[in-house]
C-alpha atoms as a PDB file:
ATOM      1  CA  MET A   1     -25.694   4.199 -58.559  1.00  0.00           C
ATOM      2  CA  SER A   2     -24.866   7.859 -58.713  1.00  0.00           C
ATOM      3  CA  GLU A   3     -21.798   9.407 -57.152  1.00  0.00           C
ATOM      4  CA  SER A   4     -23.768  12.522 -56.285  1.00  0.00           C
ATOM      5  CA  GLU A   5     -24.489  13.103 -52.633  1.00  0.00           C
ATOM      6  CA  ARG A   6     -27.728  13.729 -50.782  1.00  0.00           C
ATOM      7  CA  PRO A   7     -28.062  17.469 -50.116  1.00  0.00           C
ATOM      8  CA  ASP A   8     -28.706  16.956 -46.392  1.00  0.00           C
ATOM      9  CA  ARG A   9     -25.272  15.349 -45.996  1.00  0.00           C
ATOM     10  CA  LEU A  10     -23.523  18.276 -47.660  1.00  0.00           C
ATOM     11  CA  GLY A  11     -25.453  21.067 -45.979  1.00  0.00           C
ATOM     12  CA  GLY A  12     -24.508  23.068 -42.931  1.00  0.00           C
ATOM     13  CA  ARG A  13     -24.575  20.244 -40.410  1.00  0.00           C
ATOM     14  CA  GLU A  14     -21.610  18.286 -39.091  1.00  0.00           C
ATOM     15  CA  ILE A  15     -20.766  14.975 -40.771  1.00  0.00           C
ATOM     16  CA  THR A  16     -21.155  12.030 -38.412  1.00  0.00           C
ATOM     17  CA  VAL A  17     -19.830   8.480 -38.189  1.00  0.00           C
ATOM     18  CA  GLU A  18     -23.382   7.358 -38.941  1.00  0.00           C
ATOM     19  CA  ASP A  19     -23.344   9.312 -42.225  1.00  0.00           C
ATOM     20  CA  VAL A  20     -20.243   7.401 -43.291  1.00  0.00           C
ATOM     21  CA  ARG A  21     -21.671   4.069 -42.200  1.00  0.00           C
ATOM     22  CA  SER A  22     -24.959   4.687 -43.994  1.00  0.00           C
ATOM     23  CA  LEU A  23     -23.033   5.118 -47.245  1.00  0.00           C
ATOM     24  CA  ALA A  24     -20.694   2.173 -46.722  1.00  0.00           C
ATOM     25  CA  GLY A  25     -23.276  -0.267 -45.385  1.00  0.00           C
ATOM     26  CA  PRO A  26     -25.011  -1.245 -48.627  1.00  0.00           C
ATOM     27  CA  SER A  27     -21.764  -1.668 -50.555  1.00  0.00           C
ATOM     28  CA  THR A  28     -21.251  -4.461 -53.047  1.00  0.00           C
ATOM     29  CA  PRO A  29     -18.101  -5.177 -55.057  1.00  0.00           C
ATOM     30  CA  HIS A  30     -19.704  -3.725 -58.168  1.00  0.00           C
ATOM     31  CA  PHE A  31     -20.403  -0.317 -56.568  1.00  0.00           C
ATOM     32  CA  ALA A  32     -17.531  -0.217 -54.057  1.00  0.00           C
ATOM     33  CA  LEU A  33     -15.468   2.373 -55.942  1.00  0.00           C
ATOM     34  CA  GLN A  34     -18.404   4.736 -56.400  1.00  0.00           C
ATOM     35  CA  ILE A  35     -19.258   4.520 -52.708  1.00  0.00           C
ATOM     36  CA  ARG A  36     -15.586   4.982 -51.817  1.00  0.00           C
ATOM     37  CA  ASN A  37     -15.511   8.199 -53.866  1.00  0.00           C
ATOM     38  CA  ARG A  38     -18.658   9.503 -52.170  1.00  0.00           C
ATOM     39  CA  ILE A  39     -17.148   8.865 -48.732  1.00  0.00           C
ATOM     40  CA  ARG A  40     -13.883  10.504 -49.777  1.00  0.00           C
ATOM     41  CA  ARG A  41     -15.754  13.680 -50.792  1.00  0.00           C
ATOM     42  CA  LEU A  42     -17.883  13.587 -47.652  1.00  0.00           C
ATOM     43  CA  ILE A  43     -14.906  13.543 -45.259  1.00  0.00           C
ATOM     44  CA  ALA A  44     -12.553  15.750 -47.298  1.00  0.00           C
ATOM     45  CA  GLY A  45     -12.924  18.848 -45.125  1.00  0.00           C
ATOM     46  CA  LEU A  46     -12.820  17.115 -41.745  1.00  0.00           C
ATOM     47  CA  PRO A  47      -9.813  17.307 -39.405  1.00  0.00           C
ATOM     48  CA  ALA A  48      -7.514  14.254 -39.306  1.00  0.00           C
ATOM     49  CA  ASP A  49      -8.687  13.262 -35.813  1.00  0.00           C
ATOM     50  CA  HIS A  50     -12.430  13.670 -36.449  1.00  0.00           C
ATOM     51  CA  PRO A  51     -14.310  10.405 -35.698  1.00  0.00           C
ATOM     52  CA  ALA A  52     -16.204  10.517 -39.014  1.00  0.00           C
ATOM     53  CA  ARG A  53     -12.952  10.993 -40.924  1.00  0.00           C
ATOM     54  CA  LEU A  54     -11.322   8.051 -39.125  1.00  0.00           C
ATOM     55  CA  GLU A  55     -14.318   5.847 -39.900  1.00  0.00           C
ATOM     56  CA  GLY A  56     -14.356   7.143 -43.475  1.00  0.00           C
ATOM     57  CA  GLU A  57     -10.717   6.248 -44.010  1.00  0.00           C
ATOM     58  CA  ARG A  58     -11.340   2.781 -42.602  1.00  0.00           C
ATOM     59  CA  GLN A  59     -14.302   2.302 -44.926  1.00  0.00           C
ATOM     60  CA  ILE A  60     -12.344   3.646 -47.922  1.00  0.00           C
ATOM     61  CA  ALA A  61      -9.677   0.982 -47.370  1.00  0.00           C
ATOM     62  CA  ARG A  62     -12.346  -1.719 -47.006  1.00  0.00           C
ATOM     63  CA  LEU A  63     -14.172  -0.612 -50.151  1.00  0.00           C
ATOM     64  CA  THR A  64     -10.948  -0.476 -52.161  1.00  0.00           C
ATOM     65  CA  ASP A  65     -10.256  -4.082 -51.167  1.00  0.00           C
ATOM     66  CA  LEU A  66     -13.852  -5.072 -51.898  1.00  0.00           C
ATOM     67  CA  ALA A  67     -13.640  -3.614 -55.421  1.00  0.00           C
ATOM     68  CA  HIS A  68     -10.974  -6.173 -56.340  1.00  0.00           C
ATOM     69  CA  PHE A  69     -13.669  -8.848 -56.209  1.00  0.00           C
ATOM     70  CA  SER A  70     -16.068  -7.118 -58.615  1.00  0.00           C
ATOM     71  CA  GLY A  71     -15.017  -9.018 -61.702  1.00  0.00           C
ATOM     72  CA  ASP A  72     -14.076  -5.636 -63.169  1.00  0.00           C
ATOM     73  CA  PRO A  73     -10.949  -4.611 -61.231  1.00  0.00           C
ATOM     74  CA  ARG A  74      -9.407  -1.247 -62.000  1.00  0.00           C
ATOM     75  CA  GLY A  75      -5.705  -0.529 -62.118  1.00  0.00           C
ATOM     76  CA  PRO A  76      -2.695  -2.777 -62.598  1.00  0.00           C
ATOM     77  CA  GLY A  77      -3.352  -6.498 -62.485  1.00  0.00           C
END
């Protein structure tokens, strides 16, 4: 899985909650950190109270937890 983003998500249109969910939906422990990074980049420029940013932060936390079950955990044990 690539960490590069689809051009239509990065273009001139507003990021939506559905954009975040479409990235997070197919996550598995093995790819959780890559998906987390893609979501982090996607929501980086959004205001703190933007619905897509709130959903993105929720999904980032979930994906970080999910990555611990990949059999290849990163960071301190």
